[in-house]
Amino acid sequence: QVQLVESGGGLVQPGGSLRLSCVASGSIFNLYTVGWFRQGPGKQRELIAYITSGGTDTYADSGEGRFTNSRDNAKETVYLQMNSLKPEDAALYYCHEALDSDYPPTFAYDYWGQGTQVDLSY
């Protein structure tokens, strides 16, 4: 069974940084794109970044220049480095996996992590 486990969230001040991790098991990890979604209170879920099996990155406008994807296929892990965090970045962040051919995803055949919470404080 495929499992995705996120970690690295927490409470951070505006302008600070966090690195989120997503560890996969039970999948052929090097054949899949891994993406990051987030959903803040009262907001719709949005795709903020993804990285293909070949390491090609795509970023939403909200994170471009501040967020950076990387992946380590040997460790079956994807990282999202988030810098210069803003109050509007507060959300529950989800790791998501699907085949390269299904990104941006249709959600027909995919897998989700449980989410890791990012909160902003002063």
PDB file of N, CA and C in Angstrom:
ATOM      1  N   GLN A   1       0.846  -1.178   0.000  1.00  0.00           N
ATOM      2  CA  GLN A   1       0.000   0.000   0.000  1.00  0.00           C
ATOM      3  C   GLN A   1       0.888   1.236   0.000  1.00  0.00           C
ATOM      4  N   VAL A   2       0.551   2.205  -0.831  1.00  0.00           N
ATOM      5  CA  VAL A   2       1.323   3.433  -0.924  1.00  0.00           C
ATOM      6  C   VAL A   2       1.040   4.312   0.285  1.00  0.00           C
ATOM      7  N   GLN A   3       2.101   4.830   0.879  1.00  0.00           N
ATOM      8  CA  GLN A   3       1.985   5.778   1.975  1.00  0.00           C
ATOM      9  C   GLN A   3       2.902   6.969   1.727  1.00  0.00           C
ATOM     10  N   LEU A   4       2.383   8.153   1.992  1.00  0.00           N
ATOM     11  CA  LEU A   4       3.152   9.381   1.943  1.00  0.00           C
ATOM     12  C   LEU A   4       3.066  10.042   3.311  1.00  0.00           C
ATOM     13  N   VAL A   5       4.202  10.396   3.874  1.00  0.00           N
ATOM     14  CA  VAL A   5       4.250  10.982   5.207  1.00  0.00           C
ATOM     15  C   VAL A   5       4.992  12.301   5.141  1.00  0.00           C
ATOM     16  N   GLU A   6       4.290  13.386   5.493  1.00  0.00           N
ATOM     17  CA  GLU A   6       4.894  14.713   5.515  1.00  0.00           C
ATOM     18  C   GLU A   6       5.402  15.040   6.912  1.00  0.00           C
ATOM     19  N   SER A   7       6.388  15.911   6.957  1.00  0.00           N
ATOM     20  CA  SER A   7       6.883  16.444   8.212  1.00  0.00           C
ATOM     21  C   SER A   7       7.543  17.785   7.936  1.00  0.00           C
ATOM     22  N   GLY A   8       7.877  18.503   8.987  1.00  0.00           N
ATOM     23  CA  GLY A   8       8.604  19.750   8.856  1.00  0.00           C
ATOM     24  C   GLY A   8       7.795  21.008   9.079  1.00  0.00           C
ATOM     25  N   GLY A   9       6.493  20.874   9.247  1.00  0.00           N
ATOM     26  CA  GLY A   9       5.682  22.035   9.530  1.00  0.00           C
ATOM     27  C   GLY A   9       5.905  22.539  10.942  1.00  0.00           C
ATOM     28  N   GLY A  10       5.318  23.677  11.231  1.00  0.00           N
ATOM     29  CA  GLY A  10       5.459  24.246  12.553  1.00  0.00           C
ATOM     30  C   GLY A  10       5.075  25.704  12.580  1.00  0.00           C
ATOM     31  N   LEU A  11       5.424  26.356  13.673  1.00  0.00           N
ATOM     32  CA  LEU A  11       5.138  27.772  13.877  1.00  0.00           C
ATOM     33  C   LEU A  11       6.375  28.580  13.513  1.00  0.00           C
ATOM     34  N   VAL A  12       6.200  29.555  12.635  1.00  0.00           N
ATOM     35  CA  VAL A  12       7.323  30.348  12.159  1.00  0.00           C
ATOM     36  C   VAL A  12       6.895  31.804  12.023  1.00  0.00           C
ATOM     37  N   GLN A  13       7.828  32.708  12.264  1.00  0.00           N
ATOM     38  CA  GLN A  13       7.540  34.129  12.110  1.00  0.00           C
ATOM     39  C   GLN A  13       7.576  34.537  10.641  1.00  0.00           C
ATOM     40  N   PRO A  14       6.823  35.562  10.268  1.00  0.00           N
ATOM     41  CA  PRO A  14       6.924  36.070   8.907  1.00  0.00           C
ATOM     42  C   PRO A  14       8.365  36.393   8.541  1.00  0.00           C
ATOM     43  N   GLY A  15       8.745  36.004   7.341  1.00  0.00           N
ATOM     44  CA  GLY A  15      10.118  36.152   6.898  1.00  0.00           C
ATOM     45  C   GLY A  15      10.994  34.962   7.191  1.00  0.00           C
ATOM     46  N   GLY A  16      10.509  34.030   7.970  1.00  0.00           N
ATOM     47  CA  GLY A  16      11.270  32.849   8.318  1.00  0.00           C
ATOM     48  C   GLY A  16      11.185  31.766   7.266  1.00  0.00           C
ATOM     49  N   SER A  17      11.785  30.615   7.577  1.00  0.00           N
ATOM     50  CA  SER A  17      11.882  29.511   6.633  1.00  0.00           C
ATOM     51  C   SER A  17      11.505  28.193   7.288  1.00  0.00           C
ATOM     52  N   LEU A  18      11.010  27.282   6.466  1.00  0.00           N
ATOM     53  CA  LEU A  18      10.752  25.906   6.859  1.00  0.00           C
ATOM     54  C   LEU A  18      11.119  24.997   5.705  1.00  0.00           C
ATOM     55  N   ARG A  19      11.492  23.769   6.018  1.00  0.00           N
ATOM     56  CA  ARG A  19      11.683  22.754   4.997  1.00  0.00           C
ATOM     57  C   ARG A  19      10.751  21.588   5.275  1.00  0.00           C
ATOM     58  N   LEU A  20       9.836  21.360   4.356  1.00  0.00           N
ATOM     59  CA  LEU A  20       8.917  20.246   4.461  1.00  0.00           C
ATOM     60  C   LEU A  20       9.507  19.015   3.784  1.00  0.00           C
ATOM     61  N   SER A  21       9.213  17.853   4.342  1.00  0.00           N
ATOM     62  CA  SER A  21       9.664  16.592   3.781  1.00  0.00           C
ATOM     63  C   SER A  21       8.472  15.695   3.501  1.00  0.00           C
ATOM     64  N   CYS A  22       8.595  14.905   2.455  1.00  0.00           N
ATOM     65  CA  CYS A  22       7.597  13.902   2.115  1.00  0.00           C
ATOM     66  C   CYS A  22       8.322  12.606   1.819  1.00  0.00           C
ATOM     67  N   VAL A  23       8.065  11.598   2.624  1.00  0.00           N
ATOM     68  CA  VAL A  23       8.685  10.290   2.461  1.00  0.00           C
ATOM     69  C   VAL A  23       7.652   9.314   1.933  1.00  0.00           C
ATOM     70  N   ALA A  24       7.973   8.652   0.834  1.00  0.00           N
ATOM     71  CA  ALA A  24       7.056   7.723   0.183  1.00  0.00           C
ATOM     72  C   ALA A  24       7.473   6.290   0.439  1.00  0.00           C
ATOM     73  N   SER A  25       6.496   5.414   0.492  1.00  0.00           N
ATOM     74  CA  SER A  25       6.742   3.985   0.569  1.00  0.00           C
ATOM     75  C   SER A  25       5.658   3.259  -0.221  1.00  0.00           C
ATOM     76  N   GLY A  26       6.014   2.110  -0.765  1.00  0.00           N
ATOM     77  CA  GLY A  26       5.040   1.290  -1.462  1.00  0.00           C
ATOM     78  C   GLY A  26       4.766   1.682  -2.900  1.00  0.00           C
ATOM     79  N   SER A  27       5.517   2.621  -3.446  1.00  0.00           N
ATOM     80  CA  SER A  27       5.352   3.044  -4.826  1.00  0.00           C
ATOM     81  C   SER A  27       6.677   2.926  -5.572  1.00  0.00           C
ATOM     82  N   ILE A  28       6.590   2.957  -6.897  1.00  0.00           N
ATOM     83  CA  ILE A  28       7.797   3.065  -7.717  1.00  0.00           C
ATOM     84  C   ILE A  28       8.113   4.551  -7.796  1.00  0.00           C
ATOM     85  N   PHE A  29       8.780   5.036  -6.772  1.00  0.00           N
ATOM     86  CA  PHE A  29       8.902   6.459  -6.529  1.00  0.00           C
ATOM     87  C   PHE A  29       9.532   7.199  -7.704  1.00  0.00           C
ATOM     88  N   ASN A  30      10.515   6.600  -8.348  1.00  0.00           N
ATOM     89  CA  ASN A  30      11.226   7.298  -9.405  1.00  0.00           C
ATOM     90  C   ASN A  30      10.451   7.385 -10.713  1.00  0.00           C
ATOM     91  N   LEU A  31       9.220   6.921 -10.736  1.00  0.00           N
ATOM     92  CA  LEU A  31       8.351   7.051 -11.898  1.00  0.00           C
ATOM     93  C   LEU A  31       7.249   8.089 -11.691  1.00  0.00           C
ATOM     94  N   TYR A  32       7.225   8.729 -10.542  1.00  0.00           N
ATOM     95  CA  TYR A  32       6.114   9.593 -10.165  1.00  0.00           C
ATOM     96  C   TYR A  32       6.546  11.032  -9.960  1.00  0.00           C
ATOM     97  N   THR A  33       5.616  11.921 -10.257  1.00  0.00           N
ATOM     98  CA  THR A  33       5.724  13.308  -9.848  1.00  0.00           C
ATOM     99  C   THR A  33       5.199  13.454  -8.420  1.00  0.00           C
ATOM    100  N   VAL A  34       5.867  14.275  -7.633  1.00  0.00           N
ATOM    101  CA  VAL A  34       5.414  14.588  -6.285  1.00  0.00           C
ATOM    102  C   VAL A  34       5.116  16.077  -6.212  1.00  0.00           C
ATOM    103  N   GLY A  35       3.931  16.396  -5.737  1.00  0.00           N
ATOM    104  CA  GLY A  35       3.510  17.775  -5.627  1.00  0.00           C
ATOM    105  C   GLY A  35       3.126  18.146  -4.217  1.00  0.00           C
ATOM    106  N   TRP A  36       3.007  19.446  -4.010  1.00  0.00           N
ATOM    107  CA  TRP A  36       2.578  19.989  -2.728  1.00  0.00           C
ATOM    108  C   TRP A  36       1.327  20.828  -2.921  1.00  0.00           C
ATOM    109  N   PHE A  37       0.299  20.489  -2.171  1.00  0.00           N
ATOM    110  CA  PHE A  37      -0.922  21.265  -2.097  1.00  0.00           C
ATOM    111  C   PHE A  37      -1.011  21.903  -0.722  1.00  0.00           C
ATOM    112  N   ARG A  38      -1.775  22.961  -0.641  1.00  0.00           N
ATOM    113  CA  ARG A  38      -2.057  23.543   0.659  1.00  0.00           C
ATOM    114  C   ARG A  38      -3.499  24.033   0.702  1.00  0.00           C
ATOM    115  N   GLN A  39      -4.026  24.089   1.913  1.00  0.00           N
ATOM    116  CA  GLN A  39      -5.365  24.599   2.119  1.00  0.00           C
ATOM    117  C   GLN A  39      -5.394  25.376   3.425  1.00  0.00           C
ATOM    118  N   GLY A  40      -5.620  26.672   3.329  1.00  0.00           N
ATOM    119  CA  GLY A  40      -5.761  27.514   4.495  1.00  0.00           C
ATOM    120  C   GLY A  40      -7.200  27.581   4.944  1.00  0.00           C
ATOM    121  N   PRO A  41      -7.434  28.127   6.135  1.00  0.00           N
ATOM    122  CA  PRO A  41      -8.800  28.232   6.658  1.00  0.00           C
ATOM    123  C   PRO A  41      -9.707  29.020   5.719  1.00  0.00           C
ATOM    124  N   GLY A  42     -10.825  28.424   5.354  1.00  0.00           N
ATOM    125  CA  GLY A  42     -11.780  29.084   4.489  1.00  0.00           C
ATOM    126  C   GLY A  42     -11.344  29.238   3.050  1.00  0.00           C
ATOM    127  N   LYS A  43     -10.258  28.588   2.655  1.00  0.00           N
ATOM    128  CA  LYS A  43      -9.744  28.713   1.302  1.00  0.00           C
ATOM    129  C   LYS A  43      -9.814  27.376   0.566  1.00  0.00           C
ATOM    130  N   GLN A  44      -9.775  27.453  -0.751  1.00  0.00           N
ATOM    131  CA  GLN A  44      -9.739  26.251  -1.562  1.00  0.00           C
ATOM    132  C   GLN A  44      -8.332  25.660  -1.589  1.00  0.00           C
ATOM    133  N   ARG A  45      -8.270  24.369  -1.788  1.00  0.00           N
ATOM    134  CA  ARG A  45      -6.994  23.698  -1.952  1.00  0.00           C
ATOM    135  C   ARG A  45      -6.295  24.206  -3.213  1.00  0.00           C
ATOM    136  N   GLU A  46      -5.001  24.438  -3.120  1.00  0.00           N
ATOM    137  CA  GLU A  46      -4.248  24.896  -4.269  1.00  0.00           C
ATOM    138  C   GLU A  46      -2.941  24.123  -4.409  1.00  0.00           C
ATOM    139  N   LEU A  47      -2.564  23.896  -5.642  1.00  0.00           N
ATOM    140  CA  LEU A  47      -1.283  23.283  -5.958  1.00  0.00           C
ATOM    141  C   LEU A  47      -0.230  24.377  -5.975  1.00  0.00           C
ATOM    142  N   ILE A  48       0.800  24.238  -5.154  1.00  0.00           N
ATOM    143  CA  ILE A  48       1.803  25.284  -5.053  1.00  0.00           C
ATOM    144  C   ILE A  48       3.140  24.911  -5.686  1.00  0.00           C
ATOM    145  N   ALA A  49       3.421  23.630  -5.831  1.00  0.00           N
ATOM    146  CA  ALA A  49       4.690  23.215  -6.413  1.00  0.00           C
ATOM    147  C   ALA A  49       4.644  21.737  -6.744  1.00  0.00           C
ATOM    148  N   TYR A  50       5.419  21.331  -7.757  1.00  0.00           N
ATOM    149  CA  TYR A  50       5.609  19.912  -7.991  1.00  0.00           C
ATOM    150  C   TYR A  50       6.927  19.668  -8.698  1.00  0.00           C
ATOM    151  N   ILE A  51       7.405  18.436  -8.575  1.00  0.00           N
ATOM    152  CA  ILE A  51       8.665  18.043  -9.182  1.00  0.00           C
ATOM    153  C   ILE A  51       8.473  16.683  -9.841  1.00  0.00           C
ATOM    154  N   THR A  52       8.867  16.572 -11.093  1.00  0.00           N
ATOM    155  CA  THR A  52       8.674  15.346 -11.852  1.00  0.00           C
ATOM    156  C   THR A  52       9.718  14.311 -11.478  1.00  0.00           C
ATOM    157  N   SER A  53       9.527  13.102 -12.001  1.00  0.00           N
ATOM    158  CA  SER A  53      10.499  12.040 -11.760  1.00  0.00           C
ATOM    159  C   SER A  53      11.880  12.409 -12.273  1.00  0.00           C
ATOM    160  N   GLY A  54      11.932  13.247 -13.305  1.00  0.00           N
ATOM    161  CA  GLY A  54      13.202  13.696 -13.849  1.00  0.00           C
ATOM    162  C   GLY A  54      13.770  14.934 -13.194  1.00  0.00           C
ATOM    163  N   GLY A  55      13.087  15.476 -12.206  1.00  0.00           N
ATOM    164  CA  GLY A  55      13.598  16.611 -11.455  1.00  0.00           C
ATOM    165  C   GLY A  55      13.193  17.974 -11.977  1.00  0.00           C
ATOM    166  N   THR A  56      12.242  18.038 -12.891  1.00  0.00           N
ATOM    167  CA  THR A  56      11.773  19.311 -13.411  1.00  0.00           C
ATOM    168  C   THR A  56      10.766  19.937 -12.455  1.00  0.00           C
ATOM    169  N   ASP A  57      10.989  21.195 -12.109  1.00  0.00           N
ATOM    170  CA  ASP A  57      10.173  21.899 -11.123  1.00  0.00           C
ATOM    171  C   ASP A  57       9.145  22.797 -11.777  1.00  0.00           C
ATOM    172  N   THR A  58       7.997  22.899 -11.133  1.00  0.00           N
ATOM    173  CA  THR A  58       6.971  23.861 -11.494  1.00  0.00           C
ATOM    174  C   THR A  58       6.454  24.497 -10.212  1.00  0.00           C
ATOM    175  N   TYR A  59       6.247  25.818 -10.246  1.00  0.00           N
ATOM    176  CA  TYR A  59       5.800  26.545  -9.064  1.00  0.00           C
ATOM    177  C   TYR A  59       4.611  27.426  -9.406  1.00  0.00           C
ATOM    178  N   ALA A  60       3.701  27.523  -8.467  1.00  0.00           N
ATOM    179  CA  ALA A  60       2.628  28.490  -8.586  1.00  0.00           C
ATOM    180  C   ALA A  60       3.189  29.889  -8.380  1.00  0.00           C
ATOM    181  N   ASP A  61       2.472  30.881  -8.886  1.00  0.00           N
ATOM    182  CA  ASP A  61       2.931  32.262  -8.746  1.00  0.00           C
ATOM    183  C   ASP A  61       3.127  32.654  -7.284  1.00  0.00           C
ATOM    184  N   SER A  62       2.312  32.102  -6.401  1.00  0.00           N
ATOM    185  CA  SER A  62       2.383  32.458  -4.991  1.00  0.00           C
ATOM    186  C   SER A  62       3.696  32.051  -4.335  1.00  0.00           C
ATOM    187  N   GLY A  63       4.354  31.033  -4.873  1.00  0.00           N
ATOM    188  CA  GLY A  63       5.583  30.540  -4.280  1.00  0.00           C
ATOM    189  C   GLY A  63       6.834  30.739  -5.115  1.00  0.00           C
ATOM    190  N   GLU A  64       6.682  31.143  -6.353  1.00  0.00           N
ATOM    191  CA  GLU A  64       7.836  31.293  -7.231  1.00  0.00           C
ATOM    192  C   GLU A  64       8.816  32.306  -6.660  1.00  0.00           C
ATOM    193  N   GLY A  65      10.076  31.913  -6.591  1.00  0.00           N
ATOM    194  CA  GLY A  65      11.113  32.756  -6.029  1.00  0.00           C
ATOM    195  C   GLY A  65      11.314  32.580  -4.547  1.00  0.00           C
ATOM    196  N   ARG A  66      10.370  31.937  -3.862  1.00  0.00           N
ATOM    197  CA  ARG A  66      10.477  31.698  -2.430  1.00  0.00           C
ATOM    198  C   ARG A  66      10.550  30.219  -2.075  1.00  0.00           C
ATOM    199  N   PHE A  67       9.906  29.377  -2.883  1.00  0.00           N
ATOM    200  CA  PHE A  67       9.844  27.937  -2.610  1.00  0.00           C
ATOM    201  C   PHE A  67      10.725  27.186  -3.599  1.00  0.00           C
ATOM    202  N   THR A  68      11.348  26.102  -3.131  1.00  0.00           N
ATOM    203  CA  THR A  68      12.216  25.298  -3.967  1.00  0.00           C
ATOM    204  C   THR A  68      11.988  23.819  -3.704  1.00  0.00           C
ATOM    205  N   ASN A  69      11.732  23.063  -4.761  1.00  0.00           N
ATOM    206  CA  ASN A  69      11.591  21.608  -4.682  1.00  0.00           C
ATOM    207  C   ASN A  69      12.935  20.918  -4.869  1.00  0.00           C
ATOM    208  N   SER A  70      13.076  19.770  -4.245  1.00  0.00           N
ATOM    209  CA  SER A  70      14.171  18.865  -4.537  1.00  0.00           C
ATOM    210  C   SER A  70      13.715  17.449  -4.214  1.00  0.00           C
ATOM    211  N   ARG A  71      14.411  16.467  -4.771  1.00  0.00           N
ATOM    212  CA  ARG A  71      14.049  15.085  -4.481  1.00  0.00           C
ATOM    213  C   ARG A  71      15.283  14.207  -4.435  1.00  0.00           C
ATOM    214  N   ASP A  72      15.178  13.187  -3.602  1.00  0.00           N
ATOM    215  CA  ASP A  72      16.214  12.181  -3.447  1.00  0.00           C
ATOM    216  C   ASP A  72      15.544  10.840  -3.684  1.00  0.00           C
ATOM    217  N   ASN A  73      15.674  10.324  -4.893  1.00  0.00           N
ATOM    218  CA  ASN A  73      14.984   9.089  -5.241  1.00  0.00           C
ATOM    219  C   ASN A  73      15.491   7.889  -4.433  1.00  0.00           C
ATOM    220  N   ALA A  74      16.764   7.888  -4.100  1.00  0.00           N
ATOM    221  CA  ALA A  74      17.309   6.794  -3.307  1.00  0.00           C
ATOM    222  C   ALA A  74      16.658   6.724  -1.937  1.00  0.00           C
ATOM    223  N   LYS A  75      16.332   7.884  -1.369  1.00  0.00           N
ATOM    224  CA  LYS A  75      15.674   7.940  -0.072  1.00  0.00           C
ATOM    225  C   LYS A  75      14.159   8.033  -0.186  1.00  0.00           C
ATOM    226  N   GLU A  76      13.656   8.044  -1.407  1.00  0.00           N
ATOM    227  CA  GLU A  76      12.219   8.174  -1.667  1.00  0.00           C
ATOM    228  C   GLU A  76      11.629   9.371  -0.932  1.00  0.00           C
ATOM    229  N   THR A  77      12.326  10.487  -1.023  1.00  0.00           N
ATOM    230  CA  THR A  77      11.953  11.673  -0.272  1.00  0.00           C
ATOM    231  C   THR A  77      11.975  12.903  -1.176  1.00  0.00           C
ATOM    232  N   VAL A  78      10.981  13.756  -1.000  1.00  0.00           N
ATOM    233  CA  VAL A  78      10.909  15.048  -1.657  1.00  0.00           C
ATOM    234  C   VAL A  78      10.911  16.124  -0.585  1.00  0.00           C
ATOM    235  N   TYR A  79      11.582  17.232  -0.873  1.00  0.00           N
ATOM    236  CA  TYR A  79      11.675  18.345   0.057  1.00  0.00           C
ATOM    237  C   TYR A  79      11.118  19.605  -0.585  1.00  0.00           C
ATOM    238  N   LEU A  80      10.468  20.407   0.228  1.00  0.00           N
ATOM    239  CA  LEU A  80      10.030  21.725  -0.192  1.00  0.00           C
ATOM    240  C   LEU A  80      10.625  22.745   0.765  1.00  0.00           C
ATOM    241  N   GLN A  81      11.593  23.502   0.271  1.00  0.00           N
ATOM    242  CA  GLN A  81      12.191  24.574   1.050  1.00  0.00           C
ATOM    243  C   GLN A  81      11.359  25.830   0.856  1.00  0.00           C
ATOM    244  N   MET A  82      10.869  26.385   1.949  1.00  0.00           N
ATOM    245  CA  MET A  82      10.020  27.568   1.911  1.00  0.00           C
ATOM    246  C   MET A  82      10.719  28.697   2.648  1.00  0.00           C
ATOM    247  N   ASN A  83      11.033  29.750   1.925  1.00  0.00           N
ATOM    248  CA  ASN A  83      11.710  30.913   2.481  1.00  0.00           C
ATOM    249  C   ASN A  83      10.810  32.136   2.413  1.00  0.00           C
ATOM    250  N   SER A  84      11.175  33.146   3.183  1.00  0.00           N
ATOM    251  CA  SER A  84      10.444  34.416   3.192  1.00  0.00           C
ATOM    252  C   SER A  84       8.951  34.203   3.382  1.00  0.00           C
ATOM    253  N   LEU A  85       8.604  33.422   4.375  1.00  0.00           N
ATOM    254  CA  LEU A  85       7.210  33.051   4.583  1.00  0.00           C
ATOM    255  C   LEU A  85       6.369  34.256   4.981  1.00  0.00           C
ATOM    256  N   LYS A  86       5.145  34.244   4.493  1.00  0.00           N
ATOM    257  CA  LYS A  86       4.192  35.318   4.713  1.00  0.00           C
ATOM    258  C   LYS A  86       2.996  34.795   5.505  1.00  0.00           C
ATOM    259  N   PRO A  87       2.240  35.687   6.139  1.00  0.00           N
ATOM    260  CA  PRO A  87       1.057  35.224   6.873  1.00  0.00           C
ATOM    261  C   PRO A  87       0.096  34.418   6.011  1.00  0.00           C
ATOM    262  N   GLU A  88      -0.027  34.763   4.746  1.00  0.00           N
ATOM    263  CA  GLU A  88      -0.927  34.045   3.866  1.00  0.00           C
ATOM    264  C   GLU A  88      -0.445  32.645   3.501  1.00  0.00           C
ATOM    265  N   ASP A  89       0.774  32.290   3.886  1.00  0.00           N
ATOM    266  CA  ASP A  89       1.278  30.942   3.671  1.00  0.00           C
ATOM    267  C   ASP A  89       0.785  29.955   4.725  1.00  0.00           C
ATOM    268  N   ALA A  90       0.152  30.430   5.774  1.00  0.00           N
ATOM    269  CA  ALA A  90      -0.368  29.545   6.808  1.00  0.00           C
ATOM    270  C   ALA A  90      -1.421  28.622   6.216  1.00  0.00           C
ATOM    271  N   ALA A  91      -1.220  27.329   6.369  1.00  0.00           N
ATOM    272  CA  ALA A  91      -2.113  26.349   5.763  1.00  0.00           C
ATOM    273  C   ALA A  91      -1.701  24.952   6.202  1.00  0.00           C
ATOM    274  N   LEU A  92      -2.546  24.000   5.884  1.00  0.00           N
ATOM    275  CA  LEU A  92      -2.195  22.599   5.986  1.00  0.00           C
ATOM    276  C   LEU A  92      -1.608  22.181   4.641  1.00  0.00           C
ATOM    277  N   TYR A  93      -0.386  21.691   4.661  1.00  0.00           N
ATOM    278  CA  TYR A  93       0.330  21.332   3.447  1.00  0.00           C
ATOM    279  C   TYR A  93       0.295  19.823   3.246  1.00  0.00           C
ATOM    280  N   TYR A  94      -0.093  19.415   2.043  1.00  0.00           N
ATOM    281  CA  TYR A  94      -0.234  18.007   1.703  1.00  0.00           C
ATOM    282  C   TYR A  94       0.769  17.601   0.633  1.00  0.00           C
ATOM    283  N   CYS A  95       1.364  16.465   0.825  1.00  0.00           N
ATOM    284  CA  CYS A  95       2.175  15.816  -0.193  1.00  0.00           C
ATOM    285  C   CYS A  95       1.263  14.974  -1.083  1.00  0.00           C
ATOM    286  N   HIS A  96       1.541  14.976  -2.389  1.00  0.00           N
ATOM    287  CA  HIS A  96       0.704  14.286  -3.357  1.00  0.00           C
ATOM    288  C   HIS A  96       1.582  13.614  -4.401  1.00  0.00           C
ATOM    289  N   GLU A  97       1.180  12.424  -4.822  1.00  0.00           N
ATOM    290  CA  GLU A  97       1.970  11.658  -5.781  1.00  0.00           C
ATOM    291  C   GLU A  97       1.084  11.125  -6.898  1.00  0.00           C
ATOM    292  N   ALA A  98       1.555  11.244  -8.132  1.00  0.00           N
ATOM    293  CA  ALA A  98       0.887  10.666  -9.291  1.00  0.00           C
ATOM    294  C   ALA A  98       1.916  10.504 -10.398  1.00  0.00           C
ATOM    295  N   LEU A  99       1.573   9.756 -11.427  1.00  0.00           N
ATOM    296  CA  LEU A  99       2.475   9.582 -12.554  1.00  0.00           C
ATOM    297  C   LEU A  99       2.754  10.916 -13.232  1.00  0.00           C
ATOM    298  N   ASP A 100       3.924  11.023 -13.825  1.00  0.00           N
ATOM    299  CA  ASP A 100       4.293  12.236 -14.547  1.00  0.00           C
ATOM    300  C   ASP A 100       3.223  12.648 -15.554  1.00  0.00           C
ATOM    301  N   SER A 101       2.629  11.663 -16.218  1.00  0.00           N
ATOM    302  CA  SER A 101       1.647  11.949 -17.252  1.00  0.00           C
ATOM    303  C   SER A 101       0.351  12.539 -16.700  1.00  0.00           C
ATOM    304  N   ASP A 102       0.148  12.476 -15.401  1.00  0.00           N
ATOM    305  CA  ASP A 102      -1.072  12.987 -14.782  1.00  0.00           C
ATOM    306  C   ASP A 102      -0.806  14.258 -13.974  1.00  0.00           C
ATOM    307  N   TYR A 103       0.194  15.028 -14.372  1.00  0.00           N
ATOM    308  CA  TYR A 103       0.459  16.305 -13.740  1.00  0.00           C
ATOM    309  C   TYR A 103       0.452  17.425 -14.772  1.00  0.00           C
ATOM    310  N   PRO A 104      -0.229  18.518 -14.428  1.00  0.00           N
ATOM    311  CA  PRO A 104      -1.047  18.773 -13.260  1.00  0.00           C
ATOM    312  C   PRO A 104      -2.129  17.705 -13.108  1.00  0.00           C
ATOM    313  N   PRO A 105      -2.407  17.283 -11.896  1.00  0.00           N
ATOM    314  CA  PRO A 105      -3.176  16.053 -11.703  1.00  0.00           C
ATOM    315  C   PRO A 105      -4.667  16.190 -11.982  1.00  0.00           C
ATOM    316  N   THR A 106      -5.218  15.084 -12.468  1.00  0.00           N
ATOM    317  CA  THR A 106      -6.665  14.950 -12.604  1.00  0.00           C
ATOM    318  C   THR A 106      -7.279  14.285 -11.385  1.00  0.00           C
ATOM    319  N   PHE A 107      -6.439  13.735 -10.500  1.00  0.00           N
ATOM    320  CA  PHE A 107      -6.844  13.034  -9.281  1.00  0.00           C
ATOM    321  C   PHE A 107      -7.545  11.715  -9.570  1.00  0.00           C
ATOM    322  N   ALA A 108      -7.323  11.153 -10.762  1.00  0.00           N
ATOM    323  CA  ALA A 108      -7.905   9.870 -11.100  1.00  0.00           C
ATOM    324  C   ALA A 108      -7.170   8.722 -10.401  1.00  0.00           C
ATOM    325  N   TYR A 109      -5.840   8.775 -10.419  1.00  0.00           N
ATOM    326  CA  TYR A 109      -5.013   7.756  -9.791  1.00  0.00           C
ATOM    327  C   TYR A 109      -3.878   8.470  -9.072  1.00  0.00           C
ATOM    328  N   ASP A 110      -4.034   8.625  -7.762  1.00  0.00           N
ATOM    329  CA  ASP A 110      -3.067   9.407  -7.006  1.00  0.00           C
ATOM    330  C   ASP A 110      -3.088   9.017  -5.534  1.00  0.00           C
ATOM    331  N   TYR A 111      -2.154   9.596  -4.797  1.00  0.00           N
ATOM    332  CA  TYR A 111      -1.990   9.290  -3.380  1.00  0.00           C
ATOM    333  C   TYR A 111      -1.695  10.569  -2.617  1.00  0.00           C
ATOM    334  N   TRP A 112      -2.161  10.594  -1.374  1.00  0.00           N
ATOM    335  CA  TRP A 112      -2.042  11.776  -0.531  1.00  0.00           C
ATOM    336  C   TRP A 112      -1.414  11.443   0.808  1.00  0.00           C
ATOM    337  N   GLY A 113      -0.648  12.383   1.332  1.00  0.00           N
ATOM    338  CA  GLY A 113      -0.195  12.306   2.704  1.00  0.00           C
ATOM    339  C   GLY A 113      -1.237  12.865   3.653  1.00  0.00           C
ATOM    340  N   GLN A 114      -0.919  12.831   4.942  1.00  0.00           N
ATOM    341  CA  GLN A 114      -1.872  13.242   5.966  1.00  0.00           C
ATOM    342  C   GLN A 114      -1.865  14.745   6.213  1.00  0.00           C
ATOM    343  N   GLY A 115      -0.858  15.435   5.755  1.00  0.00           N
ATOM    344  CA  GLY A 115      -0.749  16.868   5.929  1.00  0.00           C
ATOM    345  C   GLY A 115       0.163  17.259   7.071  1.00  0.00           C
ATOM    346  N   THR A 116       0.830  18.388   6.917  1.00  0.00           N
ATOM    347  CA  THR A 116       1.629  18.981   7.980  1.00  0.00           C
ATOM    348  C   THR A 116       1.284  20.459   8.070  1.00  0.00           C
ATOM    349  N   GLN A 117       1.082  20.945   9.281  1.00  0.00           N
ATOM    350  CA  GLN A 117       0.550  22.281   9.492  1.00  0.00           C
ATOM    351  C   GLN A 117       1.661  23.318   9.540  1.00  0.00           C
ATOM    352  N   VAL A 118       1.453  24.408   8.818  1.00  0.00           N
ATOM    353  CA  VAL A 118       2.348  25.562   8.855  1.00  0.00           C
ATOM    354  C   VAL A 118       1.557  26.746   9.377  1.00  0.00           C
ATOM    355  N   ASP A 119       2.045  27.348  10.453  1.00  0.00           N
ATOM    356  CA  ASP A 119       1.403  28.514  11.050  1.00  0.00           C
ATOM    357  C   ASP A 119       2.394  29.659  11.137  1.00  0.00           C
ATOM    358  N   LEU A 120       1.888  30.875  10.981  1.00  0.00           N
ATOM    359  CA  LEU A 120       2.693  32.079  11.068  1.00  0.00           C
ATOM    360  C   LEU A 120       2.349  32.837  12.337  1.00  0.00           C
ATOM    361  N   SER A 121       3.350  33.401  12.978  1.00  0.00           N
ATOM    362  CA  SER A 121       3.145  34.161  14.195  1.00  0.00           C
ATOM    363  C   SER A 121       4.074  35.364  14.216  1.00  0.00           C
ATOM    364  N   TYR A 122       3.796  36.279  15.134  1.00  0.00           N
ATOM    365  CA  TYR A 122       4.616  37.484  15.299  1.00  0.00           C
ATOM    366  C   TYR A 122       5.321  37.464  16.626  1.00  0.00           C
TER     367      TYR A 122
END
